[in-house]
Amino acid sequence: MREFTNAIVLNPANNGAHYRIGETYLWGCEYQKALDKFETIDADFNPDIRAAHICLALIGLGRKEDALRSLRTYLDAHPKDPGGLV
């Protein structure tokens, strides 16, 4: 986490570092922090992984309907779901 935070200090637009911080929160079951971080990341940066992890964070927060809406929004924009992740 420290290295990713330092990377953001050097380059605040570093989507990769922001993403890894969100991922660290997600796997640590800190779902609100993960969601907050994922939502700050450019939607064009790994859109399938971002969408999947936003859904996982929402499910972790017990917000299943919001997760379903988020999933549908992603699939409406990316109907072929490249990579099949979502």
PDB file of N, CA and C in Angstrom:
ATOM      1  N   MET A   1       0.832  -1.188   0.000  1.00  0.00           N
ATOM      2  CA  MET A   1       0.000   0.000   0.000  1.00  0.00           C
ATOM      3  C   MET A   1       0.877   1.253   0.000  1.00  0.00           C
ATOM      4  N   ARG A   2       1.968   1.208   0.750  1.00  0.00           N
ATOM      5  CA  ARG A   2       2.858   2.371   0.830  1.00  0.00           C
ATOM      6  C   ARG A   2       3.448   2.709  -0.540  1.00  0.00           C
ATOM      7  N   GLU A   3       3.872   1.683  -1.283  1.00  0.00           N
ATOM      8  CA  GLU A   3       4.464   1.922  -2.589  1.00  0.00           C
ATOM      9  C   GLU A   3       3.447   2.514  -3.561  1.00  0.00           C
ATOM     10  N   PHE A   4       2.207   2.026  -3.511  1.00  0.00           N
ATOM     11  CA  PHE A   4       1.177   2.564  -4.400  1.00  0.00           C
ATOM     12  C   PHE A   4       0.848   4.010  -4.037  1.00  0.00           C
ATOM     13  N   THR A   5       0.809   4.290  -2.747  1.00  0.00           N
ATOM     14  CA  THR A   5       0.550   5.656  -2.294  1.00  0.00           C
ATOM     15  C   THR A   5       1.677   6.582  -2.732  1.00  0.00           C
ATOM     16  N   ASN A   6       2.907   6.114  -2.614  1.00  0.00           N
ATOM     17  CA  ASN A   6       4.051   6.916  -3.063  1.00  0.00           C
ATOM     18  C   ASN A   6       4.006   7.146  -4.569  1.00  0.00           C
ATOM     19  N   ALA A   7       3.574   6.133  -5.312  1.00  0.00           N
ATOM     20  CA  ALA A   7       3.465   6.282  -6.771  1.00  0.00           C
ATOM     21  C   ALA A   7       2.445   7.362  -7.124  1.00  0.00           C
ATOM     22  N   ILE A   8       1.368   7.445  -6.355  1.00  0.00           N
ATOM     23  CA  ILE A   8       0.343   8.459  -6.609  1.00  0.00           C
ATOM     24  C   ILE A   8       0.848   9.855  -6.265  1.00  0.00           C
ATOM     25  N   VAL A   9       1.685   9.945  -5.241  1.00  0.00           N
ATOM     26  CA  VAL A   9       2.276  11.242  -4.901  1.00  0.00           C
ATOM     27  C   VAL A   9       3.127  11.725  -6.080  1.00  0.00           C
ATOM     28  N   LEU A  10       3.877  10.821  -6.684  1.00  0.00           N
ATOM     29  CA  LEU A  10       4.723  11.182  -7.824  1.00  0.00           C
ATOM     30  C   LEU A  10       3.902  11.478  -9.084  1.00  0.00           C
ATOM     31  N   ASN A  11       2.782  10.745  -9.238  1.00  0.00           N
ATOM     32  CA  ASN A  11       1.935  10.925 -10.419  1.00  0.00           C
ATOM     33  C   ASN A  11       0.479  10.682 -10.019  1.00  0.00           C
ATOM     34  N   PRO A  12      -0.245  11.729  -9.662  1.00  0.00           N
ATOM     35  CA  PRO A  12      -1.636  11.580  -9.219  1.00  0.00           C
ATOM     36  C   PRO A  12      -2.551  10.934 -10.256  1.00  0.00           C
ATOM     37  N   ALA A  13      -2.166  10.943 -11.520  1.00  0.00           N
ATOM     38  CA  ALA A  13      -2.988  10.348 -12.575  1.00  0.00           C
ATOM     39  C   ALA A  13      -2.661   8.869 -12.809  1.00  0.00           C
ATOM     40  N   ASN A  14      -1.867   8.283 -11.943  1.00  0.00           N
ATOM     41  CA  ASN A  14      -1.459   6.883 -12.107  1.00  0.00           C
ATOM     42  C   ASN A  14      -2.634   5.950 -11.783  1.00  0.00           C
ATOM     43  N   ASN A  15      -3.426   5.633 -12.806  1.00  0.00           N
ATOM     44  CA  ASN A  15      -4.589   4.768 -12.604  1.00  0.00           C
ATOM     45  C   ASN A  15      -4.209   3.391 -12.075  1.00  0.00           C
ATOM     46  N   GLY A  16      -3.069   2.879 -12.498  1.00  0.00           N
ATOM     47  CA  GLY A  16      -2.626   1.563 -12.033  1.00  0.00           C
ATOM     48  C   GLY A  16      -2.421   1.532 -10.527  1.00  0.00           C
ATOM     49  N   ALA A  17      -1.786   2.552  -9.992  1.00  0.00           N
ATOM     50  CA  ALA A  17      -1.566   2.614  -8.542  1.00  0.00           C
ATOM     51  C   ALA A  17      -2.884   2.798  -7.805  1.00  0.00           C
ATOM     52  N   HIS A  18      -3.747   3.663  -8.314  1.00  0.00           N
ATOM     53  CA  HIS A  18      -5.065   3.836  -7.692  1.00  0.00           C
ATOM     54  C   HIS A  18      -5.826   2.511  -7.693  1.00  0.00           C
ATOM     55  N   TYR A  19      -5.772   1.811  -8.832  1.00  0.00           N
ATOM     56  CA  TYR A  19      -6.464   0.536  -8.936  1.00  0.00           C
ATOM     57  C   TYR A  19      -5.944  -0.459  -7.908  1.00  0.00           C
ATOM     58  N   ARG A  20      -4.637  -0.547  -7.758  1.00  0.00           N
ATOM     59  CA  ARG A  20      -4.056  -1.505  -6.802  1.00  0.00           C
ATOM     60  C   ARG A  20      -4.441  -1.170  -5.358  1.00  0.00           C
ATOM     61  N   ILE A  21      -4.569   0.104  -5.054  1.00  0.00           N
ATOM     62  CA  ILE A  21      -5.033   0.477  -3.714  1.00  0.00           C
ATOM     63  C   ILE A  21      -6.475  -0.001  -3.529  1.00  0.00           C
ATOM     64  N   GLY A  22      -7.325   0.228  -4.530  1.00  0.00           N
ATOM     65  CA  GLY A  22      -8.701  -0.248  -4.448  1.00  0.00           C
ATOM     66  C   GLY A  22      -8.767  -1.757  -4.300  1.00  0.00           C
ATOM     67  N   GLU A  23      -7.941  -2.440  -5.049  1.00  0.00           N
ATOM     68  CA  GLU A  23      -7.894  -3.896  -4.989  1.00  0.00           C
ATOM     69  C   GLU A  23      -7.442  -4.380  -3.600  1.00  0.00           C
ATOM     70  N   THR A  24      -6.467  -3.691  -3.038  1.00  0.00           N
ATOM     71  CA  THR A  24      -5.998  -4.044  -1.687  1.00  0.00           C
ATOM     72  C   THR A  24      -7.119  -3.879  -0.675  1.00  0.00           C
ATOM     73  N   TYR A  25      -7.862  -2.788  -0.776  1.00  0.00           N
ATOM     74  CA  TYR A  25      -9.020  -2.607   0.105  1.00  0.00           C
ATOM     75  C   TYR A  25     -10.057  -3.709  -0.113  1.00  0.00           C
ATOM     76  N   LEU A  26     -10.322  -4.039  -1.383  1.00  0.00           N
ATOM     77  CA  LEU A  26     -11.330  -5.056  -1.691  1.00  0.00           C
ATOM     78  C   LEU A  26     -10.958  -6.395  -1.071  1.00  0.00           C
ATOM     79  N   TRP A  27      -9.744  -6.840  -1.280  1.00  0.00           N
ATOM     80  CA  TRP A  27      -9.325  -8.144  -0.751  1.00  0.00           C
ATOM     81  C   TRP A  27      -9.188  -8.101   0.767  1.00  0.00           C
ATOM     82  N   GLY A  28      -9.083  -6.912   1.340  1.00  0.00           N
ATOM     83  CA  GLY A  28      -9.057  -6.777   2.794  1.00  0.00           C
ATOM     84  C   GLY A  28     -10.449  -6.589   3.385  1.00  0.00           C
ATOM     85  N   CYS A  29     -11.473  -6.753   2.552  1.00  0.00           N
ATOM     86  CA  CYS A  29     -12.881  -6.627   2.964  1.00  0.00           C
ATOM     87  C   CYS A  29     -13.234  -5.222   3.448  1.00  0.00           C
ATOM     88  N   GLU A  30     -12.504  -4.232   2.973  1.00  0.00           N
ATOM     89  CA  GLU A  30     -12.833  -2.836   3.263  1.00  0.00           C
ATOM     90  C   GLU A  30     -13.586  -2.312   2.042  1.00  0.00           C
ATOM     91  N   TYR A  31     -14.832  -2.773   1.918  1.00  0.00           N
ATOM     92  CA  TYR A  31     -15.599  -2.592   0.696  1.00  0.00           C
ATOM     93  C   TYR A  31     -15.910  -1.137   0.367  1.00  0.00           C
ATOM     94  N   GLN A  32     -16.220  -0.331   1.361  1.00  0.00           N
ATOM     95  CA  GLN A  32     -16.530   1.074   1.063  1.00  0.00           C
ATOM     96  C   GLN A  32     -15.292   1.810   0.571  1.00  0.00           C
ATOM     97  N   LYS A  33     -14.154   1.560   1.199  1.00  0.00           N
ATOM     98  CA  LYS A  33     -12.916   2.191   0.750  1.00  0.00           C
ATOM     99  C   LYS A  33     -12.570   1.732  -0.665  1.00  0.00           C
ATOM    100  N   ALA A  34     -12.785   0.446  -0.938  1.00  0.00           N
ATOM    101  CA  ALA A  34     -12.516  -0.084  -2.275  1.00  0.00           C
ATOM    102  C   ALA A  34     -13.417   0.584  -3.300  1.00  0.00           C
ATOM    103  N   LEU A  35     -14.711   0.648  -2.999  1.00  0.00           N
ATOM    104  CA  LEU A  35     -15.664   1.275  -3.917  1.00  0.00           C
ATOM    105  C   LEU A  35     -15.298   2.728  -4.169  1.00  0.00           C
ATOM    106  N   ASP A  36     -15.008   3.455  -3.111  1.00  0.00           N
ATOM    107  CA  ASP A  36     -14.633   4.867  -3.248  1.00  0.00           C
ATOM    108  C   ASP A  36     -13.424   5.021  -4.167  1.00  0.00           C
ATOM    109  N   LYS A  37     -12.446   4.145  -4.008  1.00  0.00           N
ATOM    110  CA  LYS A  37     -11.236   4.232  -4.831  1.00  0.00           C
ATOM    111  C   LYS A  37     -11.524   3.843  -6.277  1.00  0.00           C
ATOM    112  N   PHE A  38     -12.236   2.732  -6.495  1.00  0.00           N
ATOM    113  CA  PHE A  38     -12.530   2.299  -7.866  1.00  0.00           C
ATOM    114  C   PHE A  38     -13.313   3.361  -8.626  1.00  0.00           C
ATOM    115  N   GLU A  39     -14.197   4.062  -7.946  1.00  0.00           N
ATOM    116  CA  GLU A  39     -15.010   5.073  -8.613  1.00  0.00           C
ATOM    117  C   GLU A  39     -14.207   6.304  -9.026  1.00  0.00           C
ATOM    118  N   THR A  40     -13.002   6.476  -8.502  1.00  0.00           N
ATOM    119  CA  THR A  40     -12.156   7.605  -8.895  1.00  0.00           C
ATOM    120  C   THR A  40     -11.309   7.285 -10.120  1.00  0.00           C
ATOM    121  N   ILE A  41     -11.266   6.024 -10.501  1.00  0.00           N
ATOM    122  CA  ILE A  41     -10.399   5.592 -11.593  1.00  0.00           C
ATOM    123  C   ILE A  41     -11.094   5.817 -12.930  1.00  0.00           C
ATOM    124  N   ASP A  42     -10.342   6.279 -13.905  1.00  0.00           N
ATOM    125  CA  ASP A  42     -10.849   6.503 -15.252  1.00  0.00           C
ATOM    126  C   ASP A  42     -11.558   5.240 -15.753  1.00  0.00           C
ATOM    127  N   ALA A  43     -12.795   5.396 -16.196  1.00  0.00           N
ATOM    128  CA  ALA A  43     -13.619   4.256 -16.625  1.00  0.00           C
ATOM    129  C   ALA A  43     -13.014   3.515 -17.816  1.00  0.00           C
ATOM    130  N   ASP A  44     -12.116   4.148 -18.555  1.00  0.00           N
ATOM    131  CA  ASP A  44     -11.476   3.503 -19.700  1.00  0.00           C
ATOM    132  C   ASP A  44     -10.251   2.685 -19.301  1.00  0.00           C
ATOM    133  N   PHE A  45      -9.867   2.757 -18.037  1.00  0.00           N
ATOM    134  CA  PHE A  45      -8.710   1.996 -17.567  1.00  0.00           C
ATOM    135  C   PHE A  45      -9.198   0.617 -17.127  1.00  0.00           C
ATOM    136  N   ASN A  46      -8.887  -0.399 -17.903  1.00  0.00           N
ATOM    137  CA  ASN A  46      -9.336  -1.766 -17.607  1.00  0.00           C
ATOM    138  C   ASN A  46     -10.821  -1.799 -17.240  1.00  0.00           C
ATOM    139  N   PRO A  47     -11.694  -1.413 -18.159  1.00  0.00           N
ATOM    140  CA  PRO A  47     -13.110  -1.267 -17.811  1.00  0.00           C
ATOM    141  C   PRO A  47     -13.770  -2.542 -17.294  1.00  0.00           C
ATOM    142  N   ASP A  48     -13.373  -3.705 -17.814  1.00  0.00           N
ATOM    143  CA  ASP A  48     -14.010  -4.935 -17.342  1.00  0.00           C
ATOM    144  C   ASP A  48     -13.613  -5.263 -15.905  1.00  0.00           C
ATOM    145  N   ILE A  49     -12.341  -5.119 -15.596  1.00  0.00           N
ATOM    146  CA  ILE A  49     -11.886  -5.408 -14.233  1.00  0.00           C
ATOM    147  C   ILE A  49     -12.472  -4.384 -13.263  1.00  0.00           C
ATOM    148  N   ARG A  50     -12.460  -3.119 -13.674  1.00  0.00           N
ATOM    149  CA  ARG A  50     -13.032  -2.057 -12.829  1.00  0.00           C
ATOM    150  C   ARG A  50     -14.499  -2.351 -12.538  1.00  0.00           C
ATOM    151  N   ALA A  51     -15.267  -2.703 -13.577  1.00  0.00           N
ATOM    152  CA  ALA A  51     -16.694  -2.988 -13.397  1.00  0.00           C
ATOM    153  C   ALA A  51     -16.910  -4.191 -12.477  1.00  0.00           C
ATOM    154  N   ALA A  52     -16.140  -5.236 -12.691  1.00  0.00           N
ATOM    155  CA  ALA A  52     -16.281  -6.434 -11.860  1.00  0.00           C
ATOM    156  C   ALA A  52     -15.971  -6.138 -10.398  1.00  0.00           C
ATOM    157  N   HIS A  53     -14.923  -5.371 -10.163  1.00  0.00           N
ATOM    158  CA  HIS A  53     -14.538  -5.092  -8.781  1.00  0.00           C
ATOM    159  C   HIS A  53     -15.487  -4.095  -8.111  1.00  0.00           C
ATOM    160  N   ILE A  54     -16.047  -3.171  -8.874  1.00  0.00           N
ATOM    161  CA  ILE A  54     -17.078  -2.303  -8.310  1.00  0.00           C
ATOM    162  C   ILE A  54     -18.268  -3.155  -7.868  1.00  0.00           C
ATOM    163  N   CYS A  55     -18.656  -4.109  -8.709  1.00  0.00           N
ATOM    164  CA  CYS A  55     -19.764  -5.002  -8.347  1.00  0.00           C
ATOM    165  C   CYS A  55     -19.437  -5.817  -7.099  1.00  0.00           C
ATOM    166  N   LEU A  56     -18.236  -6.334  -7.016  1.00  0.00           N
ATOM    167  CA  LEU A  56     -17.848  -7.107  -5.825  1.00  0.00           C
ATOM    168  C   LEU A  56     -17.885  -6.247  -4.567  1.00  0.00           C
ATOM    169  N   ALA A  57     -17.429  -5.009  -4.670  1.00  0.00           N
ATOM    170  CA  ALA A  57     -17.469  -4.110  -3.511  1.00  0.00           C
ATOM    171  C   ALA A  57     -18.912  -3.836  -3.101  1.00  0.00           C
ATOM    172  N   LEU A  58     -19.779  -3.589  -4.088  1.00  0.00           N
ATOM    173  CA  LEU A  58     -21.189  -3.340  -3.781  1.00  0.00           C
ATOM    174  C   LEU A  58     -21.834  -4.564  -3.129  1.00  0.00           C
ATOM    175  N   ILE A  59     -21.532  -5.743  -3.628  1.00  0.00           N
ATOM    176  CA  ILE A  59     -22.064  -6.967  -3.016  1.00  0.00           C
ATOM    177  C   ILE A  59     -21.551  -7.101  -1.591  1.00  0.00           C
ATOM    178  N   GLY A  60     -20.270  -6.811  -1.394  1.00  0.00           N
ATOM    179  CA  GLY A  60     -19.699  -6.860  -0.046  1.00  0.00           C
ATOM    180  C   GLY A  60     -20.386  -5.907   0.915  1.00  0.00           C
ATOM    181  N   LEU A  61     -20.890  -4.808   0.376  1.00  0.00           N
ATOM    182  CA  LEU A  61     -21.619  -3.820   1.197  1.00  0.00           C
ATOM    183  C   LEU A  61     -23.095  -4.183   1.361  1.00  0.00           C
ATOM    184  N   GLY A  62     -23.491  -5.304   0.752  1.00  0.00           N
ATOM    185  CA  GLY A  62     -24.887  -5.714   0.828  1.00  0.00           C
ATOM    186  C   GLY A  62     -25.788  -4.968  -0.145  1.00  0.00           C
ATOM    187  N   ARG A  63     -25.213  -4.314  -1.108  1.00  0.00           N
ATOM    188  CA  ARG A  63     -25.956  -3.490  -2.069  1.00  0.00           C
ATOM    189  C   ARG A  63     -26.104  -4.250  -3.392  1.00  0.00           C
ATOM    190  N   LYS A  64     -26.798  -5.371  -3.334  1.00  0.00           N
ATOM    191  CA  LYS A  64     -26.911  -6.255  -4.494  1.00  0.00           C
ATOM    192  C   LYS A  64     -27.646  -5.607  -5.668  1.00  0.00           C
ATOM    193  N   GLU A  65     -28.679  -4.829  -5.393  1.00  0.00           N
ATOM    194  CA  GLU A  65     -29.407  -4.158  -6.485  1.00  0.00           C
ATOM    195  C   GLU A  65     -28.518  -3.134  -7.181  1.00  0.00           C
ATOM    196  N   ASP A  66     -27.722  -2.417  -6.407  1.00  0.00           N
ATOM    197  CA  ASP A  66     -26.784  -1.462  -7.009  1.00  0.00           C
ATOM    198  C   ASP A  66     -25.741  -2.204  -7.849  1.00  0.00           C
ATOM    199  N   ALA A  67     -25.296  -3.361  -7.356  1.00  0.00           N
ATOM    200  CA  ALA A  67     -24.332  -4.159  -8.113  1.00  0.00           C
ATOM    201  C   ALA A  67     -24.937  -4.609  -9.432  1.00  0.00           C
ATOM    202  N   LEU A  68     -26.187  -5.036  -9.395  1.00  0.00           N
ATOM    203  CA  LEU A  68     -26.858  -5.472 -10.618  1.00  0.00           C
ATOM    204  C   LEU A  68     -27.009  -4.307 -11.605  1.00  0.00           C
ATOM    205  N   ARG A  69     -27.374  -3.129 -11.109  1.00  0.00           N
ATOM    206  CA  ARG A  69     -27.482  -1.951 -11.974  1.00  0.00           C
ATOM    207  C   ARG A  69     -26.126  -1.604 -12.591  1.00  0.00           C
ATOM    208  N   SER A  70     -25.088  -1.669 -11.791  1.00  0.00           N
ATOM    209  CA  SER A  70     -23.744  -1.377 -12.274  1.00  0.00           C
ATOM    210  C   SER A  70     -23.326  -2.393 -13.344  1.00  0.00           C
ATOM    211  N   LEU A  71     -23.636  -3.628 -13.105  1.00  0.00           N
ATOM    212  CA  LEU A  71     -23.342  -4.694 -14.059  1.00  0.00           C
ATOM    213  C   LEU A  71     -24.072  -4.457 -15.379  1.00  0.00           C
ATOM    214  N   ARG A  72     -25.339  -4.120 -15.303  1.00  0.00           N
ATOM    215  CA  ARG A  72     -26.121  -3.865 -16.517  1.00  0.00           C
ATOM    216  C   ARG A  72     -25.599  -2.642 -17.272  1.00  0.00           C
ATOM    217  N   THR A  73     -25.210  -1.614 -16.536  1.00  0.00           N
ATOM    218  CA  THR A  73     -24.651  -0.420 -17.178  1.00  0.00           C
ATOM    219  C   THR A  73     -23.398  -0.774 -17.963  1.00  0.00           C
ATOM    220  N   TYR A  74     -22.530  -1.563 -17.339  1.00  0.00           N
ATOM    221  CA  TYR A  74     -21.304  -1.987 -18.024  1.00  0.00           C
ATOM    222  C   TYR A  74     -21.642  -2.795 -19.275  1.00  0.00           C
ATOM    223  N   LEU A  75     -22.537  -3.769 -19.129  1.00  0.00           N
ATOM    224  CA  LEU A  75     -22.866  -4.637 -20.261  1.00  0.00           C
ATOM    225  C   LEU A  75     -23.603  -3.890 -21.368  1.00  0.00           C
ATOM    226  N   ASP A  76     -24.370  -2.862 -21.020  1.00  0.00           N
ATOM    227  CA  ASP A  76     -25.000  -2.037 -22.053  1.00  0.00           C
ATOM    228  C   ASP A  76     -23.936  -1.319 -22.889  1.00  0.00           C
ATOM    229  N   ALA A  77     -22.889  -0.864 -22.228  1.00  0.00           N
ATOM    230  CA  ALA A  77     -21.813  -0.147 -22.918  1.00  0.00           C
ATOM    231  C   ALA A  77     -20.837  -1.105 -23.610  1.00  0.00           C
ATOM    232  N   HIS A  78     -20.743  -2.331 -23.096  1.00  0.00           N
ATOM    233  CA  HIS A  78     -19.792  -3.318 -23.625  1.00  0.00           C
ATOM    234  C   HIS A  78     -20.510  -4.659 -23.802  1.00  0.00           C
ATOM    235  N   PRO A  79     -21.449  -4.747 -24.736  1.00  0.00           N
ATOM    236  CA  PRO A  79     -22.284  -5.948 -24.858  1.00  0.00           C
ATOM    237  C   PRO A  79     -21.507  -7.237 -25.171  1.00  0.00           C
ATOM    238  N   LYS A  80     -20.331  -7.100 -25.756  1.00  0.00           N
ATOM    239  CA  LYS A  80     -19.548  -8.302 -26.048  1.00  0.00           C
ATOM    240  C   LYS A  80     -18.683  -8.726 -24.878  1.00  0.00           C
ATOM    241  N   ASP A  81     -18.608  -7.886 -23.843  1.00  0.00           N
ATOM    242  CA  ASP A  81     -17.804  -8.152 -22.652  1.00  0.00           C
ATOM    243  C   ASP A  81     -16.456  -8.785 -23.014  1.00  0.00           C
ATOM    244  N   PRO A  82     -15.589  -7.995 -23.670  1.00  0.00           N
ATOM    245  CA  PRO A  82     -14.288  -8.544 -24.059  1.00  0.00           C
ATOM    246  C   PRO A  82     -13.571  -9.168 -22.866  1.00  0.00           C
ATOM    247  N   GLY A  83     -13.134 -10.375 -23.041  1.00  0.00           N
ATOM    248  CA  GLY A  83     -12.457 -11.091 -21.964  1.00  0.00           C
ATOM    249  C   GLY A  83     -13.405 -11.919 -21.115  1.00  0.00           C
ATOM    250  N   GLY A  84     -14.707 -11.612 -21.172  1.00  0.00           N
ATOM    251  CA  GLY A  84     -15.698 -12.401 -20.453  1.00  0.00           C
ATOM    252  C   GLY A  84     -15.645 -12.275 -18.942  1.00  0.00           C
ATOM    253  N   LEU A  85     -15.026 -11.243 -18.434  1.00  0.00           N
ATOM    254  CA  LEU A  85     -14.878 -11.110 -16.983  1.00  0.00           C
ATOM    255  C   LEU A  85     -16.182 -10.759 -16.281  1.00  0.00           C
ATOM    256  N   VAL A  86     -16.982  -9.881 -16.889  1.00  0.00           N
ATOM    257  CA  VAL A  86     -18.202  -9.419 -16.247  1.00  0.00           C
ATOM    258  C   VAL A  86     -19.336 -10.358 -16.577  1.00  0.00           C
TER     259      VAL A  86
END
